[in-house]
Amino acid sequence: MQKKIGNKGGEKYWRWYGFNQRVNWCAIFVSWCANGSGIMNNTIPRFSLCIDGEK
C-alpha cells in the first residue's frame, strides 16, 4: 500500500468503482482495499459514500 501514498485525485480508485469523472474517493479507497485483500462483502461492503461505511 505504500506505493499508493501521494496519489492525487484518486482516479485509479473512482474509475475502478465505475465512475467516469472525479468524485470524492476516500470511501471508495476503503472498498478498493477490501477488494484487494479479499474481504469485500464478507467483512466490508462495497460503498462510495462515507455515510454508507458507517453502518
N, C-alpha and C. Protein backbone atom coordinates (compact mmCIF):
# COMPACT_ATOMS: atom_id res chain seq x y z
N MET A 1 0.80 -1.20 0.00
CA MET A 1 0.00 0.00 0.00
C MET A 1 0.85 1.27 0.00
N GLN A 2 2.09 1.20 0.42
CA GLN A 2 2.90 2.41 0.44
C GLN A 2 3.10 3.01 -0.94
N LYS A 3 3.00 2.19 -1.99
CA LYS A 3 3.12 2.72 -3.35
C LYS A 3 1.99 3.69 -3.65
N LYS A 4 0.90 3.63 -2.90
CA LYS A 4 -0.27 4.48 -3.16
C LYS A 4 -0.16 5.83 -2.46
N ILE A 5 0.80 6.00 -1.56
CA ILE A 5 0.97 7.26 -0.84
C ILE A 5 1.28 8.37 -1.84
N GLY A 6 0.61 9.49 -1.69
CA GLY A 6 0.82 10.62 -2.57
C GLY A 6 -0.09 10.64 -3.78
N ASN A 7 -0.98 9.66 -3.91
CA ASN A 7 -1.92 9.65 -5.02
C ASN A 7 -2.74 10.93 -4.99
N LYS A 8 -2.79 11.62 -6.10
CA LYS A 8 -3.57 12.85 -6.16
C LYS A 8 -4.76 12.65 -7.09
N GLY A 9 -5.92 12.95 -6.62
CA GLY A 9 -7.12 12.86 -7.44
C GLY A 9 -7.84 11.53 -7.39
N GLY A 10 -7.14 10.49 -6.99
CA GLY A 10 -7.77 9.18 -6.81
C GLY A 10 -8.37 8.55 -8.04
N GLU A 11 -7.92 8.95 -9.23
CA GLU A 11 -8.57 8.46 -10.46
C GLU A 11 -8.58 6.93 -10.53
N LYS A 12 -7.49 6.30 -10.16
CA LYS A 12 -7.43 4.84 -10.21
C LYS A 12 -8.58 4.22 -9.44
N TYR A 13 -8.92 4.82 -8.32
CA TYR A 13 -9.93 4.26 -7.43
C TYR A 13 -11.33 4.57 -7.90
N TRP A 14 -11.66 5.81 -8.26
CA TRP A 14 -13.02 6.10 -8.70
C TRP A 14 -13.32 5.48 -10.06
N ARG A 15 -12.30 5.29 -10.91
CA ARG A 15 -12.55 4.55 -12.17
C ARG A 15 -12.79 3.08 -11.88
N TRP A 16 -12.05 2.49 -10.95
CA TRP A 16 -12.26 1.09 -10.56
C TRP A 16 -13.70 0.90 -10.07
N TYR A 17 -14.21 1.88 -9.34
CA TYR A 17 -15.55 1.78 -8.79
C TYR A 17 -16.62 1.88 -9.89
N GLY A 18 -16.28 2.55 -10.98
CA GLY A 18 -17.23 2.66 -12.09
C GLY A 18 -17.62 4.09 -12.45
N PHE A 19 -17.05 5.06 -11.78
CA PHE A 19 -17.33 6.45 -12.12
C PHE A 19 -16.49 6.85 -13.33
N ASN A 20 -17.02 7.75 -14.16
CA ASN A 20 -16.26 8.20 -15.32
C ASN A 20 -15.78 9.64 -15.17
N GLN A 21 -15.98 10.21 -14.00
CA GLN A 21 -15.43 11.52 -13.68
C GLN A 21 -15.09 11.56 -12.20
N ARG A 22 -14.25 12.53 -11.84
CA ARG A 22 -13.76 12.61 -10.47
C ARG A 22 -14.90 12.77 -9.47
N VAL A 23 -14.81 11.99 -8.40
CA VAL A 23 -15.72 12.09 -7.26
C VAL A 23 -14.87 12.03 -6.00
N ASN A 24 -15.46 12.37 -4.87
CA ASN A 24 -14.75 12.17 -3.60
C ASN A 24 -14.51 10.67 -3.45
N TRP A 25 -13.28 10.30 -3.26
CA TRP A 25 -12.92 8.89 -3.38
C TRP A 25 -12.41 8.25 -2.09
N CYS A 26 -12.48 8.96 -0.97
CA CYS A 26 -11.94 8.40 0.27
C CYS A 26 -12.66 7.10 0.66
N ALA A 27 -13.96 7.05 0.55
CA ALA A 27 -14.70 5.83 0.88
C ALA A 27 -14.46 4.74 -0.17
N ILE A 28 -14.33 5.14 -1.41
CA ILE A 28 -14.05 4.19 -2.48
C ILE A 28 -12.72 3.49 -2.22
N PHE A 29 -11.74 4.22 -1.69
CA PHE A 29 -10.44 3.63 -1.39
C PHE A 29 -10.57 2.51 -0.37
N VAL A 30 -11.46 2.65 0.60
CA VAL A 30 -11.70 1.59 1.58
C VAL A 30 -12.23 0.35 0.87
N SER A 31 -13.17 0.52 -0.04
CA SER A 31 -13.69 -0.61 -0.81
C SER A 31 -12.61 -1.23 -1.67
N TRP A 32 -11.78 -0.41 -2.28
CA TRP A 32 -10.69 -0.90 -3.12
C TRP A 32 -9.73 -1.77 -2.30
N CYS A 33 -9.39 -1.30 -1.10
CA CYS A 33 -8.51 -2.08 -0.21
C CYS A 33 -9.17 -3.39 0.20
N ALA A 34 -10.45 -3.33 0.55
CA ALA A 34 -11.18 -4.55 0.94
C ALA A 34 -11.21 -5.55 -0.20
N ASN A 35 -11.41 -5.06 -1.41
CA ASN A 35 -11.43 -5.94 -2.58
C ASN A 35 -10.06 -6.59 -2.78
N GLY A 36 -9.01 -5.80 -2.66
CA GLY A 36 -7.66 -6.31 -2.85
C GLY A 36 -7.24 -7.33 -1.81
N SER A 37 -7.82 -7.22 -0.62
CA SER A 37 -7.46 -8.16 0.44
C SER A 37 -8.42 -9.35 0.52
N GLY A 38 -9.44 -9.34 -0.34
CA GLY A 38 -10.37 -10.46 -0.39
C GLY A 38 -11.45 -10.47 0.66
N ILE A 39 -11.65 -9.34 1.35
CA ILE A 39 -12.67 -9.31 2.40
C ILE A 39 -13.91 -8.50 2.02
N MET A 40 -13.96 -8.02 0.79
CA MET A 40 -15.13 -7.25 0.38
C MET A 40 -16.37 -8.13 0.43
N ASN A 41 -17.43 -7.56 0.94
CA ASN A 41 -18.74 -8.19 1.09
C ASN A 41 -18.79 -9.22 2.21
N ASN A 42 -17.66 -9.75 2.64
CA ASN A 42 -17.65 -10.64 3.80
C ASN A 42 -17.58 -9.82 5.08
N THR A 43 -16.67 -8.86 5.09
CA THR A 43 -16.47 -8.02 6.26
C THR A 43 -16.82 -6.57 5.95
N ILE A 44 -16.41 -6.10 4.79
CA ILE A 44 -16.62 -4.71 4.38
C ILE A 44 -17.42 -4.69 3.09
N PRO A 45 -18.55 -3.98 3.08
CA PRO A 45 -19.34 -3.90 1.85
C PRO A 45 -18.71 -2.92 0.86
N ARG A 46 -19.09 -3.01 -0.38
CA ARG A 46 -18.66 -2.05 -1.41
C ARG A 46 -19.49 -0.78 -1.21
N PHE A 47 -18.81 0.36 -1.06
CA PHE A 47 -19.52 1.62 -0.88
C PHE A 47 -18.68 2.77 -1.39
N SER A 48 -19.36 3.86 -1.76
CA SER A 48 -18.65 5.03 -2.28
C SER A 48 -18.91 6.28 -1.46
N LEU A 49 -19.83 6.22 -0.53
CA LEU A 49 -20.13 7.37 0.33
C LEU A 49 -19.72 7.04 1.76
N CYS A 50 -19.05 7.96 2.41
CA CYS A 50 -18.59 7.73 3.79
C CYS A 50 -19.74 7.33 4.70
N ILE A 51 -20.87 7.97 4.55
CA ILE A 51 -22.01 7.67 5.42
C ILE A 51 -22.46 6.21 5.29
N ASP A 52 -22.31 5.62 4.10
CA ASP A 52 -22.66 4.22 3.91
C ASP A 52 -21.69 3.28 4.62
N GLY A 53 -20.46 3.72 4.80
CA GLY A 53 -19.48 2.91 5.50
C GLY A 53 -19.63 2.94 7.02
N GLU A 54 -20.43 3.87 7.51
CA GLU A 54 -20.63 3.99 8.96
C GLU A 54 -21.61 2.97 9.49
N LYS A 55 -22.36 2.33 8.62
CA LYS A 55 -23.41 1.41 9.05
C LYS A 55 -22.87 0.14 9.62
